[in-house]
N, C-alpha and C. Protein backbone atom coordinates (compact mmCIF):
# COMPACT_ATOMS: atom_id res chain seq x y z
N MET A 1 92.78 -72.33 -27.56
CA MET A 1 93.82 -72.86 -26.71
C MET A 1 94.26 -71.77 -25.73
N PRO A 2 94.45 -72.13 -24.48
CA PRO A 2 94.91 -71.13 -23.50
C PRO A 2 96.35 -70.71 -23.79
N ALA A 3 96.67 -69.46 -23.43
CA ALA A 3 98.03 -68.95 -23.64
C ALA A 3 98.93 -69.24 -22.46
N LEU A 4 98.33 -69.36 -21.27
CA LEU A 4 99.11 -69.49 -20.05
C LEU A 4 98.42 -70.45 -19.09
N ALA A 5 99.22 -71.31 -18.47
CA ALA A 5 98.71 -72.18 -17.41
C ALA A 5 99.57 -71.95 -16.17
N VAL A 6 98.93 -72.01 -15.03
CA VAL A 6 99.63 -71.87 -13.76
C VAL A 6 99.34 -73.12 -12.95
N VAL A 7 100.40 -73.76 -12.47
CA VAL A 7 100.29 -75.02 -11.74
C VAL A 7 100.87 -74.85 -10.35
N GLY A 8 100.21 -75.43 -9.36
CA GLY A 8 100.78 -75.45 -8.01
C GLY A 8 99.92 -74.69 -7.05
N PRO A 9 100.39 -74.53 -5.86
CA PRO A 9 101.67 -74.95 -5.31
C PRO A 9 101.62 -76.25 -4.53
N ASN A 10 100.45 -76.86 -4.39
CA ASN A 10 100.31 -77.96 -3.45
C ASN A 10 100.54 -79.34 -4.07
N TYR A 11 101.40 -79.42 -5.05
CA TYR A 11 101.76 -80.71 -5.62
C TYR A 11 103.08 -81.18 -5.02
N ALA A 12 103.21 -82.49 -4.89
CA ALA A 12 104.50 -83.05 -4.46
C ALA A 12 105.53 -82.73 -5.54
N GLU A 13 106.77 -82.81 -5.16
CA GLU A 13 107.88 -82.44 -6.04
C GLU A 13 107.76 -83.05 -7.43
N PHE A 14 107.54 -84.36 -7.51
CA PHE A 14 107.50 -85.04 -8.80
C PHE A 14 106.19 -84.77 -9.53
N GLU A 15 105.10 -84.64 -8.77
CA GLU A 15 103.79 -84.46 -9.37
C GLU A 15 103.67 -83.15 -10.12
N GLY A 16 104.22 -82.07 -9.58
CA GLY A 16 104.15 -80.78 -10.26
C GLY A 16 104.86 -80.80 -11.59
N LEU A 17 106.04 -81.40 -11.62
CA LEU A 17 106.79 -81.49 -12.89
C LEU A 17 106.11 -82.45 -13.86
N ALA A 18 105.56 -83.55 -13.35
CA ALA A 18 104.86 -84.50 -14.22
C ALA A 18 103.62 -83.84 -14.82
N LEU A 19 102.88 -83.10 -14.01
CA LEU A 19 101.70 -82.39 -14.52
C LEU A 19 102.13 -81.36 -15.56
N GLY A 20 103.22 -80.67 -15.30
CA GLY A 20 103.75 -79.72 -16.28
C GLY A 20 104.07 -80.40 -17.61
N ARG A 21 104.73 -81.55 -17.55
CA ARG A 21 105.04 -82.31 -18.77
C ARG A 21 103.76 -82.69 -19.51
N ASP A 22 102.75 -83.14 -18.76
CA ASP A 22 101.48 -83.54 -19.38
C ASP A 22 100.78 -82.36 -20.05
N ILE A 23 100.76 -81.23 -19.38
CA ILE A 23 100.13 -80.03 -19.95
C ILE A 23 100.85 -79.62 -21.22
N LEU A 24 102.18 -79.60 -21.18
CA LEU A 24 102.96 -79.20 -22.36
C LEU A 24 102.81 -80.18 -23.50
N ALA A 25 102.62 -81.45 -23.20
CA ALA A 25 102.40 -82.45 -24.25
C ALA A 25 101.03 -82.26 -24.89
N GLN A 26 100.04 -81.92 -24.08
CA GLN A 26 98.68 -81.73 -24.60
C GLN A 26 98.52 -80.41 -25.34
N TRP A 27 99.17 -79.36 -24.86
CA TRP A 27 99.09 -78.04 -25.49
C TRP A 27 100.51 -77.52 -25.72
N PRO A 28 101.16 -77.94 -26.79
CA PRO A 28 102.58 -77.62 -27.00
C PRO A 28 102.91 -76.13 -27.02
N GLY A 29 102.01 -75.27 -27.39
CA GLY A 29 102.31 -73.85 -27.48
C GLY A 29 102.05 -73.07 -26.20
N ILE A 30 101.56 -73.74 -25.18
CA ILE A 30 101.17 -73.03 -23.95
C ILE A 30 102.40 -72.59 -23.15
N LYS A 31 102.28 -71.49 -22.46
CA LYS A 31 103.30 -71.03 -21.51
C LYS A 31 102.90 -71.55 -20.14
N LEU A 32 103.87 -72.01 -19.36
CA LEU A 32 103.54 -72.66 -18.10
C LEU A 32 104.37 -72.10 -16.96
N ILE A 33 103.69 -71.70 -15.90
CA ILE A 33 104.34 -71.23 -14.67
C ILE A 33 104.02 -72.24 -13.58
N LEU A 34 105.06 -72.66 -12.87
CA LEU A 34 104.91 -73.63 -11.79
C LEU A 34 105.23 -72.98 -10.45
N TYR A 35 104.29 -73.05 -9.52
CA TYR A 35 104.53 -72.66 -8.14
C TYR A 35 104.89 -73.93 -7.39
N SER A 36 105.94 -73.85 -6.57
CA SER A 36 106.33 -75.05 -5.84
C SER A 36 107.04 -74.70 -4.53
N HIS A 37 106.86 -75.57 -3.56
CA HIS A 37 107.59 -75.45 -2.30
C HIS A 37 109.08 -75.74 -2.53
N HIS A 38 109.42 -76.32 -3.67
CA HIS A 38 110.80 -76.71 -3.99
C HIS A 38 111.52 -75.70 -4.88
N ALA A 39 110.89 -74.57 -5.14
CA ALA A 39 111.45 -73.58 -6.07
C ALA A 39 112.78 -73.01 -5.60
N HIS A 40 113.10 -73.13 -4.32
CA HIS A 40 114.39 -72.62 -3.81
C HIS A 40 115.56 -73.50 -4.25
N ASP A 41 115.29 -74.73 -4.68
CA ASP A 41 116.31 -75.69 -5.08
C ASP A 41 116.70 -75.44 -6.55
N LEU A 42 117.96 -75.06 -6.78
CA LEU A 42 118.40 -74.77 -8.16
C LEU A 42 118.23 -75.96 -9.09
N PHE A 43 118.50 -77.17 -8.59
CA PHE A 43 118.32 -78.35 -9.43
C PHE A 43 116.85 -78.56 -9.77
N PHE A 44 115.96 -78.29 -8.83
CA PHE A 44 114.53 -78.41 -9.12
C PHE A 44 114.14 -77.43 -10.21
N GLN A 45 114.60 -76.18 -10.08
CA GLN A 45 114.28 -75.18 -11.10
C GLN A 45 114.88 -75.58 -12.45
N ALA A 46 116.12 -76.07 -12.44
CA ALA A 46 116.76 -76.51 -13.70
C ALA A 46 115.96 -77.65 -14.32
N ASP A 47 115.48 -78.57 -13.49
CA ASP A 47 114.68 -79.68 -14.00
C ASP A 47 113.36 -79.18 -14.56
N ALA A 48 112.77 -78.17 -13.91
CA ALA A 48 111.54 -77.56 -14.43
C ALA A 48 111.80 -76.95 -15.81
N ALA A 49 112.89 -76.22 -15.94
CA ALA A 49 113.24 -75.63 -17.23
C ALA A 49 113.50 -76.71 -18.27
N ASN A 50 114.16 -77.78 -17.86
CA ASN A 50 114.48 -78.86 -18.79
C ASN A 50 113.25 -79.60 -19.30
N VAL A 51 112.17 -79.63 -18.52
CA VAL A 51 110.95 -80.27 -19.01
C VAL A 51 110.07 -79.31 -19.80
N GLY A 52 110.47 -78.04 -19.87
CA GLY A 52 109.75 -77.08 -20.72
C GLY A 52 108.93 -76.05 -19.98
N ILE A 53 108.98 -76.05 -18.66
CA ILE A 53 108.25 -75.06 -17.87
C ILE A 53 108.94 -73.71 -18.05
N HIS A 54 108.17 -72.64 -18.12
CA HIS A 54 108.70 -71.32 -18.44
C HIS A 54 109.12 -70.49 -17.23
N ALA A 55 108.56 -70.79 -16.06
CA ALA A 55 108.92 -70.07 -14.83
C ALA A 55 108.60 -70.97 -13.66
N CYS A 56 109.40 -70.81 -12.61
CA CYS A 56 109.18 -71.58 -11.38
C CYS A 56 109.27 -70.59 -10.23
N LEU A 57 108.17 -70.45 -9.51
CA LEU A 57 108.09 -69.49 -8.41
C LEU A 57 107.88 -70.20 -7.09
N PRO A 58 108.40 -69.61 -6.02
CA PRO A 58 108.13 -70.20 -4.71
C PRO A 58 106.64 -70.10 -4.37
N SER A 59 106.18 -71.01 -3.57
CA SER A 59 104.76 -71.06 -3.21
C SER A 59 104.28 -69.76 -2.59
N ASN A 60 105.17 -69.06 -1.91
CA ASN A 60 104.78 -67.82 -1.24
C ASN A 60 105.14 -66.58 -2.05
N ALA A 61 105.27 -66.71 -3.36
CA ALA A 61 105.59 -65.56 -4.21
C ALA A 61 104.54 -64.47 -4.03
N ASP A 62 105.00 -63.24 -3.97
CA ASP A 62 104.06 -62.13 -3.80
C ASP A 62 103.52 -61.69 -5.17
N ALA A 63 102.62 -60.73 -5.14
CA ALA A 63 101.96 -60.26 -6.36
C ALA A 63 102.95 -59.69 -7.36
N THR A 64 103.95 -58.95 -6.87
CA THR A 64 104.94 -58.36 -7.78
C THR A 64 105.75 -59.44 -8.48
N GLN A 65 106.21 -60.45 -7.74
CA GLN A 65 106.96 -61.55 -8.35
C GLN A 65 106.09 -62.26 -9.40
N THR A 66 104.86 -62.49 -9.04
CA THR A 66 103.95 -63.19 -9.95
C THR A 66 103.71 -62.38 -11.22
N LEU A 67 103.41 -61.10 -11.07
CA LEU A 67 103.16 -60.26 -12.25
C LEU A 67 104.40 -60.15 -13.13
N ASN A 68 105.58 -60.04 -12.53
CA ASN A 68 106.81 -59.97 -13.31
C ASN A 68 107.03 -61.27 -14.10
N ALA A 69 106.77 -62.40 -13.45
CA ALA A 69 106.94 -63.69 -14.13
C ALA A 69 105.92 -63.85 -15.26
N VAL A 70 104.67 -63.51 -14.99
CA VAL A 70 103.63 -63.62 -16.02
C VAL A 70 103.96 -62.73 -17.21
N SER A 71 104.35 -61.50 -16.94
CA SER A 71 104.71 -60.57 -18.04
C SER A 71 105.87 -61.12 -18.86
N ALA A 72 106.90 -61.61 -18.19
CA ALA A 72 108.06 -62.14 -18.90
C ALA A 72 107.70 -63.35 -19.73
N VAL A 73 106.95 -64.27 -19.14
CA VAL A 73 106.59 -65.51 -19.83
C VAL A 73 105.70 -65.21 -21.03
N LEU A 74 104.71 -64.35 -20.86
CA LEU A 74 103.83 -64.01 -21.99
C LEU A 74 104.58 -63.27 -23.08
N ALA A 75 105.69 -62.61 -22.73
CA ALA A 75 106.53 -61.93 -23.73
C ALA A 75 107.51 -62.90 -24.40
N GLY A 76 107.45 -64.18 -23.99
CA GLY A 76 108.29 -65.18 -24.65
C GLY A 76 109.61 -65.47 -23.96
N ARG A 77 109.79 -64.95 -22.75
CA ARG A 77 111.05 -65.19 -22.03
C ARG A 77 110.86 -66.25 -20.95
N LEU A 78 111.96 -66.90 -20.61
CA LEU A 78 111.97 -67.81 -19.47
C LEU A 78 112.24 -66.99 -18.23
N TRP A 79 111.62 -67.36 -17.11
CA TRP A 79 111.79 -66.63 -15.86
C TRP A 79 112.56 -67.48 -14.87
N PHE A 80 113.85 -67.63 -15.17
CA PHE A 80 114.78 -68.37 -14.32
C PHE A 80 116.07 -67.57 -14.26
N SER A 81 116.85 -67.81 -13.22
CA SER A 81 118.15 -67.13 -13.13
C SER A 81 119.10 -67.72 -14.17
N HIS A 82 120.14 -66.98 -14.47
CA HIS A 82 121.15 -67.47 -15.42
C HIS A 82 121.78 -68.76 -14.91
N ALA A 83 121.95 -68.87 -13.60
CA ALA A 83 122.54 -70.09 -13.03
C ALA A 83 121.68 -71.31 -13.35
N VAL A 84 120.37 -71.16 -13.26
CA VAL A 84 119.45 -72.27 -13.52
C VAL A 84 119.51 -72.67 -15.00
N LEU A 85 119.66 -71.71 -15.87
CA LEU A 85 119.68 -71.99 -17.30
C LEU A 85 121.06 -72.39 -17.80
N SER A 86 122.04 -72.39 -16.93
CA SER A 86 123.40 -72.76 -17.30
C SER A 86 123.45 -74.20 -17.79
N PRO A 87 124.25 -74.46 -18.82
CA PRO A 87 124.42 -75.84 -19.27
C PRO A 87 124.95 -76.76 -18.17
N LEU A 88 125.58 -76.18 -17.16
CA LEU A 88 126.12 -76.99 -16.07
C LEU A 88 125.02 -77.68 -15.27
N LEU A 89 123.82 -77.12 -15.27
CA LEU A 89 122.73 -77.73 -14.52
C LEU A 89 121.85 -78.62 -15.40
N ARG A 90 122.15 -78.68 -16.68
CA ARG A 90 121.41 -79.58 -17.56
C ARG A 90 122.03 -80.96 -17.49
N PRO A 91 121.24 -81.96 -17.22
CA PRO A 91 121.82 -83.29 -17.11
C PRO A 91 122.27 -83.80 -18.48
N GLU A 92 123.41 -84.46 -18.46
CA GLU A 92 123.94 -85.09 -19.67
C GLU A 92 123.15 -86.37 -19.92
N ALA A 93 122.94 -86.70 -21.18
CA ALA A 93 122.20 -87.92 -21.53
C ALA A 93 122.92 -89.16 -21.01
N LEU A 94 122.14 -90.11 -20.55
CA LEU A 94 122.69 -91.36 -20.08
C LEU A 94 122.76 -92.37 -21.23
N THR A 95 123.73 -93.26 -21.16
CA THR A 95 123.81 -94.34 -22.14
C THR A 95 122.67 -95.32 -21.85
N PRO A 96 122.33 -96.18 -22.81
CA PRO A 96 121.28 -97.17 -22.54
C PRO A 96 121.58 -98.03 -21.31
N ARG A 97 122.83 -98.44 -21.12
CA ARG A 97 123.17 -99.26 -19.95
C ARG A 97 123.03 -98.44 -18.66
N GLU A 98 123.43 -97.18 -18.69
CA GLU A 98 123.26 -96.33 -17.51
C GLU A 98 121.78 -96.16 -17.19
N GLN A 99 120.94 -96.07 -18.21
CA GLN A 99 119.50 -95.98 -17.99
C GLN A 99 118.97 -97.23 -17.30
N GLU A 100 119.47 -98.40 -17.72
CA GLU A 100 119.06 -99.65 -17.09
C GLU A 100 119.48 -99.68 -15.62
N VAL A 101 120.72 -99.28 -15.35
CA VAL A 101 121.21 -99.24 -13.98
C VAL A 101 120.39 -98.26 -13.16
N LEU A 102 120.10 -97.09 -13.70
CA LEU A 102 119.32 -96.08 -12.99
C LEU A 102 117.94 -96.61 -12.63
N LYS A 103 117.29 -97.30 -13.55
CA LYS A 103 115.95 -97.85 -13.25
C LYS A 103 116.01 -98.84 -12.10
N LEU A 104 117.07 -99.64 -12.05
CA LEU A 104 117.21 -100.59 -10.95
C LEU A 104 117.58 -99.87 -9.65
N LEU A 105 118.36 -98.81 -9.74
CA LEU A 105 118.64 -98.00 -8.55
C LEU A 105 117.35 -97.40 -8.01
N ALA A 106 116.47 -96.99 -8.91
CA ALA A 106 115.19 -96.41 -8.50
C ALA A 106 114.31 -97.44 -7.81
N GLU A 107 114.54 -98.71 -8.10
CA GLU A 107 113.82 -99.79 -7.41
C GLU A 107 114.52 -100.18 -6.11
N ASP A 108 115.56 -99.43 -5.77
CA ASP A 108 116.34 -99.64 -4.54
C ASP A 108 117.05 -100.99 -4.52
N GLN A 109 117.49 -101.41 -5.70
CA GLN A 109 118.23 -102.67 -5.81
C GLN A 109 119.68 -102.46 -5.40
N PRO A 110 120.27 -103.39 -4.66
CA PRO A 110 121.69 -103.28 -4.33
C PRO A 110 122.56 -103.63 -5.54
N ASP A 111 123.83 -103.25 -5.47
CA ASP A 111 124.75 -103.47 -6.59
C ASP A 111 124.77 -104.92 -7.05
N LYS A 112 124.81 -105.84 -6.12
CA LYS A 112 124.90 -107.26 -6.47
C LYS A 112 123.67 -107.70 -7.28
N ALA A 113 122.49 -107.26 -6.87
CA ALA A 113 121.26 -107.62 -7.58
C ALA A 113 121.24 -106.99 -8.98
N ILE A 114 121.70 -105.75 -9.07
CA ILE A 114 121.76 -105.08 -10.38
C ILE A 114 122.71 -105.84 -11.30
N ALA A 115 123.87 -106.23 -10.75
CA ALA A 115 124.85 -106.98 -11.53
C ALA A 115 124.24 -108.28 -12.04
N THR A 116 123.52 -108.97 -11.20
CA THR A 116 122.90 -110.24 -11.59
C THR A 116 121.86 -110.03 -12.67
N VAL A 117 120.99 -109.06 -12.49
CA VAL A 117 119.92 -108.79 -13.46
C VAL A 117 120.50 -108.42 -14.83
N LEU A 118 121.55 -107.59 -14.83
CA LEU A 118 122.12 -107.11 -16.09
C LEU A 118 123.24 -108.00 -16.64
N GLY A 119 123.66 -108.98 -15.85
CA GLY A 119 124.72 -109.88 -16.32
C GLY A 119 126.07 -109.19 -16.42
N ILE A 120 126.36 -108.30 -15.46
CA ILE A 120 127.63 -107.59 -15.44
C ILE A 120 128.23 -107.71 -14.04
N SER A 121 129.46 -107.28 -13.89
CA SER A 121 130.10 -107.38 -12.58
C SER A 121 129.64 -106.25 -11.66
N VAL A 122 129.83 -106.47 -10.37
CA VAL A 122 129.50 -105.45 -9.37
C VAL A 122 130.36 -104.20 -9.62
N ALA A 123 131.62 -104.40 -10.00
CA ALA A 123 132.50 -103.26 -10.28
C ALA A 123 131.95 -102.43 -11.45
N THR A 124 131.40 -103.10 -12.45
CA THR A 124 130.82 -102.38 -13.59
C THR A 124 129.58 -101.61 -13.18
N VAL A 125 128.78 -102.20 -12.30
CA VAL A 125 127.60 -101.49 -11.76
C VAL A 125 128.05 -100.23 -11.05
N ARG A 126 129.08 -100.34 -10.23
CA ARG A 126 129.58 -99.17 -9.51
C ARG A 126 130.11 -98.11 -10.47
N ASN A 127 130.77 -98.56 -11.53
CA ASN A 127 131.26 -97.64 -12.56
C ASN A 127 130.11 -96.88 -13.20
N HIS A 128 129.07 -97.62 -13.61
CA HIS A 128 127.91 -96.98 -14.22
C HIS A 128 127.23 -96.03 -13.23
N SER A 129 127.14 -96.46 -11.98
CA SER A 129 126.52 -95.62 -10.96
C SER A 129 127.28 -94.31 -10.80
N GLN A 130 128.59 -94.38 -10.79
CA GLN A 130 129.40 -93.17 -10.66
C GLN A 130 129.19 -92.23 -11.86
N HIS A 131 129.11 -92.80 -13.06
CA HIS A 131 128.85 -91.98 -14.25
C HIS A 131 127.48 -91.31 -14.16
N ILE A 132 126.50 -92.03 -13.66
CA ILE A 132 125.15 -91.47 -13.50
C ILE A 132 125.19 -90.28 -12.54
N LEU A 133 125.87 -90.45 -11.41
CA LEU A 133 125.98 -89.35 -10.44
C LEU A 133 126.63 -88.13 -11.07
N GLU A 134 127.72 -88.36 -11.80
CA GLU A 134 128.43 -87.24 -12.44
C GLU A 134 127.55 -86.54 -13.47
N LYS A 135 126.85 -87.32 -14.28
CA LYS A 135 126.01 -86.72 -15.33
C LYS A 135 124.83 -85.95 -14.76
N LEU A 136 124.32 -86.39 -13.62
CA LEU A 136 123.20 -85.70 -12.99
C LEU A 136 123.64 -84.61 -12.03
N GLY A 137 124.95 -84.52 -11.79
CA GLY A 137 125.47 -83.46 -10.94
C GLY A 137 125.14 -83.63 -9.47
N VAL A 138 125.06 -84.87 -9.03
CA VAL A 138 124.73 -85.15 -7.63
C VAL A 138 125.81 -86.02 -7.00
N HIS A 139 125.70 -86.24 -5.69
CA HIS A 139 126.74 -86.98 -4.98
C HIS A 139 126.30 -88.34 -4.44
N ARG A 140 125.00 -88.54 -4.33
CA ARG A 140 124.50 -89.79 -3.77
C ARG A 140 123.46 -90.41 -4.69
N ARG A 141 123.33 -91.71 -4.59
CA ARG A 141 122.38 -92.44 -5.44
C ARG A 141 120.94 -91.96 -5.23
N GLN A 142 120.58 -91.69 -3.98
CA GLN A 142 119.21 -91.23 -3.71
C GLN A 142 118.94 -89.91 -4.42
N GLU A 143 119.95 -89.04 -4.46
CA GLU A 143 119.80 -87.77 -5.17
C GLU A 143 119.65 -88.00 -6.67
N ALA A 144 120.39 -88.97 -7.20
CA ALA A 144 120.29 -89.28 -8.63
C ALA A 144 118.89 -89.78 -8.97
N VAL A 145 118.37 -90.67 -8.15
CA VAL A 145 117.02 -91.20 -8.37
C VAL A 145 115.99 -90.08 -8.26
N ARG A 146 116.16 -89.24 -7.26
CA ARG A 146 115.22 -88.12 -7.07
C ARG A 146 115.22 -87.20 -8.28
N ARG A 147 116.41 -86.86 -8.76
CA ARG A 147 116.50 -85.97 -9.93
C ARG A 147 115.95 -86.65 -11.17
N ALA A 148 116.25 -87.92 -11.35
CA ALA A 148 115.74 -88.66 -12.50
C ALA A 148 114.21 -88.74 -12.48
N ARG A 149 113.63 -88.86 -11.29
CA ARG A 149 112.16 -88.86 -11.19
C ARG A 149 111.59 -87.51 -11.59
N ARG A 150 112.25 -86.44 -11.14
CA ARG A 150 111.76 -85.10 -11.50
C ARG A 150 111.81 -84.90 -13.00
N LEU A 151 112.84 -85.44 -13.64
CA LEU A 151 112.98 -85.30 -15.09
C LEU A 151 112.08 -86.24 -15.87
N GLY A 152 111.44 -87.18 -15.17
CA GLY A 152 110.58 -88.15 -15.85
C GLY A 152 111.35 -89.30 -16.46
N TRP A 153 112.59 -89.50 -16.04
CA TRP A 153 113.40 -90.60 -16.58
C TRP A 153 113.07 -91.92 -15.93
N VAL A 154 112.65 -91.90 -14.67
CA VAL A 154 112.20 -93.10 -13.96
C VAL A 154 110.96 -92.73 -13.17
N PHE A 155 110.19 -93.74 -12.80
CA PHE A 155 108.94 -93.48 -12.08
C PHE A 155 108.89 -94.24 -10.79
């Protein structure tokens, strides 16, 4: 079994994290470094850490950055800033109903359609939507869907 895998940098935002999840599922003990054009985004890095990736480097990382990350990861450490590893950037679990609402948001359904599908009021849909935004630490529905896709919660 390989000790280290390096993924990237030419994957789309969701694809790199999905590939990382797949690699970690197939080889649970492997250390994984992800290169990404999105590495500057703290939420992207937090989502990478949350799916089990050990380091996230910008696509243009130089040799020194790469060697430092490889050394740290092979020594058993995560190569992320303290801010990225903060519990504040870890998404809170959604309730089953919030998960249902999120999946419909990901399908770009309006509140009224979501209410009809789930048999709840539009006000309740808005309530669940607000809770989803708060738990994911974002301000807009599109950001919530984007983050949920990175985490593998919706496709």
